[in-house]
Amino acid sequence: MLPVVWRVNKKANDVPIQHVQLDPRGESDGLHLGDIYRDVELLEWTKESEDHRTIRSSTLVFPLAMVMGQECDLLTDSALRANTRPTGRERPPKANGFMWTTLVLPLYNASQFFDRRDSCLSGIFEDVYLGTSAEPTSASLEMNHPSSDSLVKANQDARYHFICFPSPGELPDCVIDFRHYFALRTSYLMDHRAEQCLATLSTPYREQVLQRFSFYISRIGLPD
Protein backbone atom coordinates (compact mmCIF):
# COMPACT_ATOMS: atom_id res chain seq x y z
CA MET A 1 0.00 0.00 0.00
CA LEU A 2 1.24 3.49 -0.81
CA PRO A 3 0.69 6.47 1.49
CA VAL A 4 -1.39 9.40 0.29
CA VAL A 5 1.19 12.14 -0.04
CA TRP A 6 1.57 15.56 -1.61
CA ARG A 7 4.22 18.26 -1.76
CA VAL A 8 4.20 21.09 0.77
CA ASN A 9 5.73 24.34 -0.43
CA LYS A 10 4.09 26.88 1.87
CA LYS A 11 2.77 27.24 5.39
CA ALA A 12 -0.90 27.52 6.25
CA ASN A 13 -2.15 30.43 8.29
CA ASP A 14 -4.30 29.67 11.31
CA VAL A 15 -7.79 29.78 9.82
CA PRO A 16 -10.75 28.58 11.89
CA ILE A 17 -12.70 25.74 10.31
CA GLN A 18 -16.30 26.70 9.65
CA HIS A 19 -19.18 24.27 9.36
CA VAL A 20 -21.06 24.43 6.08
CA GLN A 21 -24.84 24.57 5.95
CA LEU A 22 -27.19 22.20 4.17
CA ASP A 23 -30.51 22.92 2.46
CA PRO A 24 -33.39 20.47 2.82
CA ARG A 25 -33.80 18.32 -0.25
CA GLY A 26 -36.98 18.89 -2.24
CA GLU A 27 -38.61 15.67 -3.37
CA SER A 28 -39.79 17.07 -6.72
CA ASP A 29 -36.95 19.48 -7.35
CA GLY A 30 -34.61 19.14 -10.29
CA LEU A 31 -30.85 18.99 -9.95
CA HIS A 32 -29.02 21.69 -8.04
CA LEU A 33 -25.42 22.74 -7.69
CA GLY A 34 -24.17 21.11 -4.49
CA ASP A 35 -26.56 18.15 -4.47
CA ILE A 36 -24.90 15.36 -2.48
CA TYR A 37 -25.65 11.83 -3.67
CA ARG A 38 -24.86 8.50 -2.06
CA ASP A 39 -23.78 5.29 -3.82
CA VAL A 40 -23.05 6.89 -7.19
CA GLU A 41 -22.20 4.29 -9.83
CA LEU A 42 -19.68 4.86 -12.62
CA LEU A 43 -19.14 2.29 -15.35
CA GLU A 44 -15.35 2.02 -15.54
CA TRP A 45 -14.92 -0.34 -18.50
CA THR A 46 -16.52 -3.13 -20.51
CA LYS A 47 -14.82 -6.01 -22.33
CA GLU A 48 -16.33 -8.58 -24.65
CA SER A 49 -15.19 -12.19 -24.31
CA GLU A 50 -13.24 -13.82 -27.12
CA ASP A 51 -16.18 -16.05 -28.01
CA HIS A 52 -18.44 -12.96 -28.10
CA ARG A 53 -20.91 -14.61 -25.73
CA THR A 54 -20.41 -12.51 -22.62
CA ILE A 55 -19.42 -8.99 -21.69
CA ARG A 56 -17.42 -8.25 -18.56
CA SER A 57 -17.70 -4.88 -16.89
CA SER A 58 -16.28 -2.99 -13.93
CA THR A 59 -18.40 -0.51 -12.00
CA LEU A 60 -17.09 1.91 -9.37
CA VAL A 61 -19.47 2.87 -6.58
CA PHE A 62 -18.66 6.17 -4.87
CA PRO A 63 -20.08 6.41 -1.33
CA LEU A 64 -20.65 10.16 -1.77
CA ALA A 65 -20.48 12.55 -4.73
CA MET A 66 -21.50 16.15 -5.37
CA VAL A 67 -23.24 17.64 -8.41
CA MET A 68 -21.14 20.35 -10.02
CA GLY A 69 -22.29 22.89 -12.63
CA GLN A 70 -23.87 26.31 -13.08
CA GLU A 71 -27.11 26.52 -11.10
CA CYS A 72 -28.82 28.41 -13.95
CA ASP A 73 -27.94 25.63 -16.42
CA LEU A 74 -29.27 22.96 -14.07
CA LEU A 75 -32.50 24.91 -13.52
CA THR A 76 -32.97 25.32 -17.27
CA ASP A 77 -32.47 21.61 -17.86
CA SER A 78 -34.93 20.71 -15.10
CA ALA A 79 -37.52 23.10 -16.54
CA LEU A 80 -37.16 21.58 -19.99
CA ARG A 81 -37.69 18.07 -18.62
CA ALA A 82 -40.76 19.20 -16.64
CA ASN A 83 -42.07 21.44 -19.44
CA THR A 84 -42.21 24.44 -17.11
CA ARG A 85 -40.49 27.79 -16.76
CA PRO A 86 -37.40 28.11 -14.57
CA THR A 87 -38.04 29.78 -11.22
CA GLY A 88 -37.99 33.58 -11.51
CA ARG A 89 -38.06 33.66 -15.31
CA GLU A 90 -40.85 35.00 -17.50
CA ARG A 91 -40.00 33.07 -20.63
CA PRO A 92 -39.80 29.32 -21.20
CA PRO A 93 -36.30 27.88 -21.61
CA LYS A 94 -34.77 27.35 -25.03
CA ALA A 95 -34.46 23.80 -26.30
CA ASN A 96 -30.68 24.10 -26.56
CA GLY A 97 -30.49 24.38 -22.76
CA PHE A 98 -30.88 20.62 -22.40
CA MET A 99 -27.95 18.99 -20.58
CA TRP A 100 -27.10 15.47 -21.68
CA THR A 101 -24.53 14.93 -18.93
CA THR A 102 -23.67 16.56 -15.60
CA LEU A 103 -20.33 16.71 -13.79
CA VAL A 104 -19.98 15.17 -10.34
CA LEU A 105 -17.09 15.25 -7.84
CA PRO A 106 -16.40 12.35 -5.44
CA LEU A 107 -16.33 13.18 -1.73
CA TYR A 108 -13.68 11.32 0.25
CA ASN A 109 -14.00 10.62 3.96
CA ALA A 110 -11.73 13.20 5.62
CA SER A 111 -10.61 10.96 8.48
CA GLN A 112 -9.34 8.34 6.03
CA PHE A 113 -7.82 11.00 3.82
CA PHE A 114 -5.83 12.63 6.63
CA ASP A 115 -4.90 9.46 8.52
CA ARG A 116 -3.19 7.99 5.44
CA ARG A 117 -3.09 4.56 7.06
CA ASP A 118 -2.84 1.42 4.96
CA SER A 119 -5.96 0.05 6.61
CA CYS A 120 -7.94 3.04 5.35
CA LEU A 121 -6.78 2.81 1.76
CA SER A 122 -8.79 -0.09 0.44
CA GLY A 123 -11.22 -0.77 -2.36
CA ILE A 124 -12.39 2.13 -4.47
CA PHE A 125 -10.49 4.79 -2.50
CA GLU A 126 -7.19 3.06 -3.17
CA ASP A 127 -7.93 2.31 -6.83
CA VAL A 128 -9.25 5.74 -7.74
CA TYR A 129 -7.02 7.91 -5.60
CA LEU A 130 -3.69 6.13 -5.92
CA GLY A 131 -4.08 4.38 -9.26
CA THR A 132 -3.11 0.78 -9.92
CA SER A 133 0.38 1.58 -11.25
CA ALA A 134 1.45 4.25 -8.76
CA GLU A 135 5.07 4.11 -7.61
CA PRO A 136 6.57 5.81 -4.54
CA THR A 137 8.99 8.63 -5.30
CA SER A 138 12.15 9.78 -3.54
CA ALA A 139 10.21 12.81 -2.33
CA SER A 140 7.55 10.75 -0.55
CA LEU A 141 9.06 11.14 2.91
CA GLU A 142 9.31 14.91 2.78
CA MET A 143 5.73 15.14 1.52
CA ASN A 144 4.38 13.64 4.75
CA HIS A 145 4.54 17.02 6.44
CA PRO A 146 2.05 17.90 9.21
CA SER A 147 1.30 21.32 7.73
CA SER A 148 -0.13 19.64 4.63
CA ASP A 149 -3.26 18.73 6.60
CA SER A 150 -3.59 22.33 7.75
CA LEU A 151 -3.35 23.58 4.18
CA VAL A 152 -6.16 21.31 3.06
CA LYS A 153 -8.40 22.04 6.05
CA ALA A 154 -7.92 25.78 5.52
CA ASN A 155 -8.63 25.37 1.78
CA GLN A 156 -5.24 26.87 0.96
CA ASP A 157 -4.16 23.95 -1.23
CA ALA A 158 -5.64 24.65 -4.66
CA ARG A 159 -6.10 20.97 -5.49
CA TYR A 160 -8.28 20.05 -2.51
CA HIS A 161 -11.44 21.34 -0.85
CA PHE A 162 -12.31 20.48 2.74
CA ILE A 163 -15.97 20.35 3.81
CA CYS A 164 -16.87 20.31 7.49
CA PHE A 165 -20.50 19.20 7.72
CA PRO A 166 -22.79 20.08 10.65
CA SER A 167 -22.44 17.77 13.63
CA PRO A 168 -24.17 15.59 14.60
CA GLY A 169 -25.29 14.46 11.18
CA GLU A 170 -25.24 11.59 8.74
CA LEU A 171 -22.45 13.08 6.61
CA PRO A 172 -18.80 12.82 7.68
CA ASP A 173 -16.34 15.62 7.03
CA CYS A 174 -15.08 15.20 3.47
CA VAL A 175 -12.29 16.19 1.11
CA ILE A 176 -12.71 16.84 -2.62
CA ASP A 177 -9.80 16.24 -4.99
CA PHE A 178 -10.33 18.53 -7.99
CA ARG A 179 -8.45 16.12 -10.23
CA HIS A 180 -11.20 13.56 -9.71
CA TYR A 181 -14.39 14.29 -11.60
CA PHE A 182 -16.57 12.55 -14.14
CA ALA A 183 -19.81 13.04 -16.05
CA LEU A 184 -23.03 11.10 -15.61
CA ARG A 185 -26.19 11.16 -17.66
CA THR A 186 -28.38 13.88 -16.23
CA SER A 187 -31.35 11.54 -16.51
CA TYR A 188 -29.54 9.06 -14.22
CA LEU A 189 -29.15 11.71 -11.53
CA MET A 190 -32.76 12.83 -11.94
CA ASP A 191 -34.12 9.28 -11.77
CA HIS A 192 -32.18 8.49 -8.59
CA ARG A 193 -32.57 11.82 -6.81
CA ALA A 194 -35.48 10.83 -4.57
CA GLU A 195 -33.68 7.89 -2.97
CA GLN A 196 -30.01 8.89 -3.30
CA CYS A 197 -29.78 12.66 -2.83
CA LEU A 198 -29.07 13.22 0.86
CA ALA A 199 -28.89 17.03 0.98
CA THR A 200 -27.79 20.13 -0.91
CA LEU A 201 -24.90 22.36 0.06
CA SER A 202 -26.18 25.86 0.89
CA THR A 203 -25.17 29.17 -0.67
CA PRO A 204 -22.42 30.45 -0.62
CA TYR A 205 -20.64 27.19 0.23
CA ARG A 206 -21.63 25.45 -3.00
CA GLU A 207 -20.54 28.45 -5.10
CA GLN A 208 -17.20 28.38 -3.29
CA VAL A 209 -16.64 24.77 -4.36
CA LEU A 210 -17.60 25.59 -7.96
CA GLN A 211 -15.32 28.62 -8.07
CA ARG A 212 -12.32 26.76 -6.65
CA PHE A 213 -12.94 23.79 -8.96
CA SER A 214 -13.19 26.07 -12.01
CA PHE A 215 -10.00 27.87 -11.02
CA TYR A 216 -8.08 24.62 -10.61
CA ILE A 217 -9.09 22.93 -13.86
CA SER A 218 -8.57 26.15 -15.87
CA ARG A 219 -4.94 26.54 -14.82
CA ILE A 220 -2.45 26.62 -17.69
CA GLY A 221 0.25 23.96 -17.58
CA LEU A 222 3.76 25.14 -18.39
CA PRO A 223 6.78 22.98 -19.33
CA ASP A 224 9.35 22.30 -16.62
C-alpha atoms as a PDB file:
ATOM      1  CA  MET A   1       0.000   0.000   0.000  1.00  0.00           C
ATOM      2  CA  LEU A   2       1.238   3.494  -0.814  1.00  0.00           C
ATOM      3  CA  PRO A   3       0.691   6.475   1.494  1.00  0.00           C
ATOM      4  CA  VAL A   4      -1.390   9.398   0.287  1.00  0.00           C
ATOM      5  CA  VAL A   5       1.193  12.140  -0.040  1.00  0.00           C
ATOM      6  CA  TRP A   6       1.574  15.563  -1.607  1.00  0.00           C
ATOM      7  CA  ARG A   7       4.219  18.264  -1.756  1.00  0.00           C
ATOM      8  CA  VAL A   8       4.201  21.092   0.766  1.00  0.00           C
ATOM      9  CA  ASN A   9       5.727  24.340  -0.430  1.00  0.00           C
ATOM     10  CA  LYS A  10       4.090  26.883   1.866  1.00  0.00           C
ATOM     11  CA  LYS A  11       2.771  27.242   5.393  1.00  0.00           C
ATOM     12  CA  ALA A  12      -0.895  27.520   6.247  1.00  0.00           C
ATOM     13  CA  ASN A  13      -2.152  30.431   8.287  1.00  0.00           C
ATOM     14  CA  ASP A  14      -4.304  29.675  11.308  1.00  0.00           C
ATOM     15  CA  VAL A  15      -7.787  29.785   9.816  1.00  0.00           C
ATOM     16  CA  PRO A  16     -10.745  28.577  11.891  1.00  0.00           C
ATOM     17  CA  ILE A  17     -12.702  25.739  10.313  1.00  0.00           C
ATOM     18  CA  GLN A  18     -16.304  26.704   9.649  1.00  0.00           C
ATOM     19  CA  HIS A  19     -19.179  24.267   9.360  1.00  0.00           C
ATOM     20  CA  VAL A  20     -21.061  24.427   6.075  1.00  0.00           C
ATOM     21  CA  GLN A  21     -24.838  24.573   5.947  1.00  0.00           C
ATOM     22  CA  LEU A  22     -27.195  22.198   4.166  1.00  0.00           C
ATOM     23  CA  ASP A  23     -30.506  22.919   2.463  1.00  0.00           C
ATOM     24  CA  PRO A  24     -33.388  20.471   2.821  1.00  0.00           C
ATOM     25  CA  ARG A  25     -33.797  18.324  -0.254  1.00  0.00           C
ATOM     26  CA  GLY A  26     -36.976  18.888  -2.243  1.00  0.00           C
ATOM     27  CA  GLU A  27     -38.613  15.666  -3.371  1.00  0.00           C
ATOM     28  CA  SER A  28     -39.790  17.066  -6.718  1.00  0.00           C
ATOM     29  CA  ASP A  29     -36.947  19.475  -7.353  1.00  0.00           C
ATOM     30  CA  GLY A  30     -34.611  19.139 -10.287  1.00  0.00           C
ATOM     31  CA  LEU A  31     -30.852  18.987  -9.950  1.00  0.00           C
ATOM     32  CA  HIS A  32     -29.020  21.691  -8.039  1.00  0.00           C
ATOM     33  CA  LEU A  33     -25.420  22.736  -7.692  1.00  0.00           C
ATOM     34  CA  GLY A  34     -24.169  21.111  -4.492  1.00  0.00           C
ATOM     35  CA  ASP A  35     -26.561  18.152  -4.473  1.00  0.00           C
ATOM     36  CA  ILE A  36     -24.905  15.357  -2.480  1.00  0.00           C
ATOM     37  CA  TYR A  37     -25.649  11.827  -3.671  1.00  0.00           C
ATOM     38  CA  ARG A  38     -24.855   8.498  -2.061  1.00  0.00           C
ATOM     39  CA  ASP A  39     -23.778   5.289  -3.819  1.00  0.00           C
ATOM     40  CA  VAL A  40     -23.054   6.889  -7.188  1.00  0.00           C
ATOM     41  CA  GLU A  41     -22.202   4.294  -9.827  1.00  0.00           C
ATOM     42  CA  LEU A  42     -19.680   4.862 -12.619  1.00  0.00           C
ATOM     43  CA  LEU A  43     -19.141   2.287 -15.355  1.00  0.00           C
ATOM     44  CA  GLU A  44     -15.348   2.019 -15.537  1.00  0.00           C
ATOM     45  CA  TRP A  45     -14.925  -0.340 -18.495  1.00  0.00           C
ATOM     46  CA  THR A  46     -16.520  -3.132 -20.511  1.00  0.00           C
ATOM     47  CA  LYS A  47     -14.820  -6.009 -22.326  1.00  0.00           C
ATOM     48  CA  GLU A  48     -16.329  -8.580 -24.653  1.00  0.00           C
ATOM     49  CA  SER A  49     -15.195 -12.191 -24.313  1.00  0.00           C
ATOM     50  CA  GLU A  50     -13.240 -13.820 -27.121  1.00  0.00           C
ATOM     51  CA  ASP A  51     -16.177 -16.052 -28.010  1.00  0.00           C
ATOM     52  CA  HIS A  52     -18.444 -12.962 -28.101  1.00  0.00           C
ATOM     53  CA  ARG A  53     -20.911 -14.610 -25.734  1.00  0.00           C
ATOM     54  CA  THR A  54     -20.413 -12.513 -22.622  1.00  0.00           C
ATOM     55  CA  ILE A  55     -19.422  -8.990 -21.690  1.00  0.00           C
ATOM     56  CA  ARG A  56     -17.421  -8.251 -18.557  1.00  0.00           C
ATOM     57  CA  SER A  57     -17.702  -4.880 -16.890  1.00  0.00           C
ATOM     58  CA  SER A  58     -16.284  -2.986 -13.929  1.00  0.00           C
ATOM     59  CA  THR A  59     -18.402  -0.510 -12.002  1.00  0.00           C
ATOM     60  CA  LEU A  60     -17.092   1.913  -9.375  1.00  0.00           C
ATOM     61  CA  VAL A  61     -19.465   2.875  -6.576  1.00  0.00           C
ATOM     62  CA  PHE A  62     -18.658   6.169  -4.870  1.00  0.00           C
ATOM     63  CA  PRO A  63     -20.079   6.412  -1.328  1.00  0.00           C
ATOM     64  CA  LEU A  64     -20.647  10.163  -1.771  1.00  0.00           C
ATOM     65  CA  ALA A  65     -20.476  12.551  -4.729  1.00  0.00           C
ATOM     66  CA  MET A  66     -21.501  16.155  -5.369  1.00  0.00           C
ATOM     67  CA  VAL A  67     -23.241  17.636  -8.412  1.00  0.00           C
ATOM     68  CA  MET A  68     -21.137  20.353 -10.023  1.00  0.00           C
ATOM     69  CA  GLY A  69     -22.291  22.891 -12.630  1.00  0.00           C
ATOM     70  CA  GLN A  70     -23.867  26.305 -13.075  1.00  0.00           C
ATOM     71  CA  GLU A  71     -27.110  26.518 -11.103  1.00  0.00           C
ATOM     72  CA  CYS A  72     -28.816  28.406 -13.948  1.00  0.00           C
ATOM     73  CA  ASP A  73     -27.943  25.634 -16.415  1.00  0.00           C
ATOM     74  CA  LEU A  74     -29.269  22.962 -14.075  1.00  0.00           C
ATOM     75  CA  LEU A  75     -32.500  24.913 -13.522  1.00  0.00           C
ATOM     76  CA  THR A  76     -32.974  25.319 -17.271  1.00  0.00           C
ATOM     77  CA  ASP A  77     -32.473  21.614 -17.860  1.00  0.00           C
ATOM     78  CA  SER A  78     -34.928  20.706 -15.104  1.00  0.00           C
ATOM     79  CA  ALA A  79     -37.523  23.101 -16.536  1.00  0.00           C
ATOM     80  CA  LEU A  80     -37.158  21.576 -19.991  1.00  0.00           C
ATOM     81  CA  ARG A  81     -37.690  18.074 -18.618  1.00  0.00           C
ATOM     82  CA  ALA A  82     -40.756  19.195 -16.636  1.00  0.00           C
ATOM     83  CA  ASN A  83     -42.070  21.441 -19.443  1.00  0.00           C
ATOM     84  CA  THR A  84     -42.214  24.439 -17.114  1.00  0.00           C
ATOM     85  CA  ARG A  85     -40.489  27.790 -16.760  1.00  0.00           C
ATOM     86  CA  PRO A  86     -37.398  28.114 -14.574  1.00  0.00           C
ATOM     87  CA  THR A  87     -38.035  29.783 -11.222  1.00  0.00           C
ATOM     88  CA  GLY A  88     -37.993  33.577 -11.513  1.00  0.00           C
ATOM     89  CA  ARG A  89     -38.060  33.664 -15.312  1.00  0.00           C
ATOM     90  CA  GLU A  90     -40.848  35.004 -17.496  1.00  0.00           C
ATOM     91  CA  ARG A  91     -39.996  33.071 -20.634  1.00  0.00           C
ATOM     92  CA  PRO A  92     -39.805  29.323 -21.198  1.00  0.00           C
ATOM     93  CA  PRO A  93     -36.300  27.882 -21.612  1.00  0.00           C
ATOM     94  CA  LYS A  94     -34.772  27.345 -25.031  1.00  0.00           C
ATOM     95  CA  ALA A  95     -34.457  23.799 -26.296  1.00  0.00           C
ATOM     96  CA  ASN A  96     -30.679  24.104 -26.559  1.00  0.00           C
ATOM     97  CA  GLY A  97     -30.489  24.380 -22.762  1.00  0.00           C
ATOM     98  CA  PHE A  98     -30.878  20.624 -22.400  1.00  0.00           C
ATOM     99  CA  MET A  99     -27.948  18.988 -20.575  1.00  0.00           C
ATOM    100  CA  TRP A 100     -27.103  15.467 -21.682  1.00  0.00           C
ATOM    101  CA  THR A 101     -24.532  14.927 -18.928  1.00  0.00           C
ATOM    102  CA  THR A 102     -23.665  16.555 -15.602  1.00  0.00           C
ATOM    103  CA  LEU A 103     -20.329  16.715 -13.787  1.00  0.00           C
ATOM    104  CA  VAL A 104     -19.976  15.168 -10.335  1.00  0.00           C
ATOM    105  CA  LEU A 105     -17.094  15.248  -7.840  1.00  0.00           C
ATOM    106  CA  PRO A 106     -16.401  12.347  -5.441  1.00  0.00           C
ATOM    107  CA  LEU A 107     -16.334  13.182  -1.730  1.00  0.00           C
ATOM    108  CA  TYR A 108     -13.675  11.316   0.251  1.00  0.00           C
ATOM    109  CA  ASN A 109     -13.998  10.624   3.962  1.00  0.00           C
ATOM    110  CA  ALA A 110     -11.734  13.198   5.622  1.00  0.00           C
ATOM    111  CA  SER A 111     -10.614  10.956   8.482  1.00  0.00           C
ATOM    112  CA  GLN A 112      -9.340   8.340   6.031  1.00  0.00           C
ATOM    113  CA  PHE A 113      -7.818  11.001   3.824  1.00  0.00           C
ATOM    114  CA  PHE A 114      -5.830  12.628   6.631  1.00  0.00           C
ATOM    115  CA  ASP A 115      -4.899   9.457   8.520  1.00  0.00           C
ATOM    116  CA  ARG A 116      -3.194   7.986   5.440  1.00  0.00           C
ATOM    117  CA  ARG A 117      -3.087   4.563   7.062  1.00  0.00           C
ATOM    118  CA  ASP A 118      -2.835   1.417   4.964  1.00  0.00           C
ATOM    119  CA  SER A 119      -5.961   0.054   6.613  1.00  0.00           C
ATOM    120  CA  CYS A 120      -7.937   3.043   5.352  1.00  0.00           C
ATOM    121  CA  LEU A 121      -6.778   2.806   1.758  1.00  0.00           C
ATOM    122  CA  SER A 122      -8.793  -0.085   0.445  1.00  0.00           C
ATOM    123  CA  GLY A 123     -11.215  -0.771  -2.362  1.00  0.00           C
ATOM    124  CA  ILE A 124     -12.389   2.130  -4.471  1.00  0.00           C
ATOM    125  CA  PHE A 125     -10.494   4.792  -2.504  1.00  0.00           C
ATOM    126  CA  GLU A 126      -7.188   3.063  -3.172  1.00  0.00           C
ATOM    127  CA  ASP A 127      -7.932   2.308  -6.832  1.00  0.00           C
ATOM    128  CA  VAL A 128      -9.251   5.740  -7.740  1.00  0.00           C
ATOM    129  CA  TYR A 129      -7.019   7.907  -5.600  1.00  0.00           C
ATOM    130  CA  LEU A 130      -3.691   6.125  -5.919  1.00  0.00           C
ATOM    131  CA  GLY A 131      -4.079   4.375  -9.258  1.00  0.00           C
ATOM    132  CA  THR A 132      -3.106   0.782  -9.925  1.00  0.00           C
ATOM    133  CA  SER A 133       0.383   1.580 -11.247  1.00  0.00           C
ATOM    134  CA  ALA A 134       1.446   4.255  -8.762  1.00  0.00           C
ATOM    135  CA  GLU A 135       5.066   4.114  -7.610  1.00  0.00           C
ATOM    136  CA  PRO A 136       6.569   5.812  -4.544  1.00  0.00           C
ATOM    137  CA  THR A 137       8.991   8.631  -5.296  1.00  0.00           C
ATOM    138  CA  SER A 138      12.146   9.780  -3.536  1.00  0.00           C
ATOM    139  CA  ALA A 139      10.213  12.814  -2.325  1.00  0.00           C
ATOM    140  CA  SER A 140       7.547  10.751  -0.549  1.00  0.00           C
ATOM    141  CA  LEU A 141       9.061  11.136   2.910  1.00  0.00           C
ATOM    142  CA  GLU A 142       9.313  14.908   2.781  1.00  0.00           C
ATOM    143  CA  MET A 143       5.726  15.142   1.517  1.00  0.00           C
ATOM    144  CA  ASN A 144       4.381  13.641   4.745  1.00  0.00           C
ATOM    145  CA  HIS A 145       4.536  17.025   6.443  1.00  0.00           C
ATOM    146  CA  PRO A 146       2.055  17.898   9.213  1.00  0.00           C
ATOM    147  CA  SER A 147       1.297  21.318   7.732  1.00  0.00           C
ATOM    148  CA  SER A 148      -0.135  19.644   4.629  1.00  0.00           C
ATOM    149  CA  ASP A 149      -3.264  18.734   6.602  1.00  0.00           C
ATOM    150  CA  SER A 150      -3.588  22.331   7.747  1.00  0.00           C
ATOM    151  CA  LEU A 151      -3.351  23.578   4.184  1.00  0.00           C
ATOM    152  CA  VAL A 152      -6.162  21.312   3.056  1.00  0.00           C
ATOM    153  CA  LYS A 153      -8.400  22.038   6.047  1.00  0.00           C
ATOM    154  CA  ALA A 154      -7.919  25.782   5.519  1.00  0.00           C
ATOM    155  CA  ASN A 155      -8.632  25.368   1.780  1.00  0.00           C
ATOM    156  CA  GLN A 156      -5.244  26.868   0.956  1.00  0.00           C
ATOM    157  CA  ASP A 157      -4.164  23.953  -1.230  1.00  0.00           C
ATOM    158  CA  ALA A 158      -5.644  24.646  -4.664  1.00  0.00           C
ATOM    159  CA  ARG A 159      -6.098  20.966  -5.494  1.00  0.00           C
ATOM    160  CA  TYR A 160      -8.277  20.047  -2.506  1.00  0.00           C
ATOM    161  CA  HIS A 161     -11.437  21.339  -0.851  1.00  0.00           C
ATOM    162  CA  PHE A 162     -12.314  20.481   2.738  1.00  0.00           C
ATOM    163  CA  ILE A 163     -15.970  20.350   3.807  1.00  0.00           C
ATOM    164  CA  CYS A 164     -16.872  20.312   7.493  1.00  0.00           C
ATOM    165  CA  PHE A 165     -20.498  19.204   7.717  1.00  0.00           C
ATOM    166  CA  PRO A 166     -22.791  20.081  10.648  1.00  0.00           C
ATOM    167  CA  SER A 167     -22.445  17.771  13.626  1.00  0.00           C
ATOM    168  CA  PRO A 168     -24.172  15.590  14.604  1.00  0.00           C
ATOM    169  CA  GLY A 169     -25.291  14.463  11.180  1.00  0.00           C
ATOM    170  CA  GLU A 170     -25.239  11.588   8.739  1.00  0.00           C
ATOM    171  CA  LEU A 171     -22.454  13.081   6.606  1.00  0.00           C
ATOM    172  CA  PRO A 172     -18.798  12.818   7.681  1.00  0.00           C
ATOM    173  CA  ASP A 173     -16.340  15.625   7.027  1.00  0.00           C
ATOM    174  CA  CYS A 174     -15.085  15.203   3.473  1.00  0.00           C
ATOM    175  CA  VAL A 175     -12.293  16.194   1.108  1.00  0.00           C
ATOM    176  CA  ILE A 176     -12.710  16.839  -2.618  1.00  0.00           C
ATOM    177  CA  ASP A 177      -9.803  16.244  -4.989  1.00  0.00           C
ATOM    178  CA  PHE A 178     -10.333  18.534  -7.989  1.00  0.00           C
ATOM    179  CA  ARG A 179      -8.446  16.118 -10.228  1.00  0.00           C
ATOM    180  CA  HIS A 180     -11.200  13.565  -9.712  1.00  0.00           C
ATOM    181  CA  TYR A 181     -14.394  14.288 -11.603  1.00  0.00           C
ATOM    182  CA  PHE A 182     -16.570  12.548 -14.145  1.00  0.00           C
ATOM    183  CA  ALA A 183     -19.806  13.038 -16.052  1.00  0.00           C
ATOM    184  CA  LEU A 184     -23.028  11.096 -15.609  1.00  0.00           C
ATOM    185  CA  ARG A 185     -26.186  11.164 -17.656  1.00  0.00           C
ATOM    186  CA  THR A 186     -28.385  13.882 -16.229  1.00  0.00           C
ATOM    187  CA  SER A 187     -31.353  11.538 -16.509  1.00  0.00           C
ATOM    188  CA  TYR A 188     -29.537   9.057 -14.224  1.00  0.00           C
ATOM    189  CA  LEU A 189     -29.155  11.710 -11.530  1.00  0.00           C
ATOM    190  CA  MET A 190     -32.762  12.834 -11.939  1.00  0.00           C
ATOM    191  CA  ASP A 191     -34.122   9.278 -11.773  1.00  0.00           C
ATOM    192  CA  HIS A 192     -32.182   8.486  -8.588  1.00  0.00           C
ATOM    193  CA  ARG A 193     -32.572  11.823  -6.807  1.00  0.00           C
ATOM    194  CA  ALA A 194     -35.483  10.834  -4.570  1.00  0.00           C
ATOM    195  CA  GLU A 195     -33.685   7.888  -2.972  1.00  0.00           C
ATOM    196  CA  GLN A 196     -30.012   8.886  -3.301  1.00  0.00           C
ATOM    197  CA  CYS A 197     -29.775  12.664  -2.834  1.00  0.00           C
ATOM    198  CA  LEU A 198     -29.073  13.216   0.863  1.00  0.00           C
ATOM    199  CA  ALA A 199     -28.888  17.025   0.978  1.00  0.00           C
ATOM    200  CA  THR A 200     -27.793  20.125  -0.912  1.00  0.00           C
ATOM    201  CA  LEU A 201     -24.895  22.363   0.057  1.00  0.00           C
ATOM    202  CA  SER A 202     -26.176  25.858   0.894  1.00  0.00           C
ATOM    203  CA  THR A 203     -25.174  29.174  -0.666  1.00  0.00           C
ATOM    204  CA  PRO A 204     -22.420  30.451  -0.621  1.00  0.00           C
ATOM    205  CA  TYR A 205     -20.638  27.187   0.226  1.00  0.00           C
ATOM    206  CA  ARG A 206     -21.630  25.455  -3.002  1.00  0.00           C
ATOM    207  CA  GLU A 207     -20.544  28.447  -5.096  1.00  0.00           C
ATOM    208  CA  GLN A 208     -17.196  28.382  -3.295  1.00  0.00           C
ATOM    209  CA  VAL A 209     -16.644  24.768  -4.359  1.00  0.00           C
ATOM    210  CA  LEU A 210     -17.605  25.589  -7.960  1.00  0.00           C
ATOM    211  CA  GLN A 211     -15.319  28.623  -8.066  1.00  0.00           C
ATOM    212  CA  ARG A 212     -12.317  26.762  -6.652  1.00  0.00           C
ATOM    213  CA  PHE A 213     -12.936  23.787  -8.961  1.00  0.00           C
ATOM    214  CA  SER A 214     -13.188  26.075 -12.010  1.00  0.00           C
ATOM    215  CA  PHE A 215      -9.996  27.869 -11.016  1.00  0.00           C
ATOM    216  CA  TYR A 216      -8.079  24.620 -10.609  1.00  0.00           C
ATOM    217  CA  ILE A 217      -9.087  22.932 -13.864  1.00  0.00           C
ATOM    218  CA  SER A 218      -8.570  26.150 -15.867  1.00  0.00           C
ATOM    219  CA  ARG A 219      -4.936  26.541 -14.817  1.00  0.00           C
ATOM    220  CA  ILE A 220      -2.452  26.618 -17.688  1.00  0.00           C
ATOM    221  CA  GLY A 221       0.249  23.958 -17.582  1.00  0.00           C
ATOM    222  CA  LEU A 222       3.764  25.136 -18.389  1.00  0.00           C
ATOM    223  CA  PRO A 223       6.778  22.978 -19.328  1.00  0.00           C
ATOM    224  CA  ASP A 224       9.349  22.304 -16.620  1.00  0.00           C
END
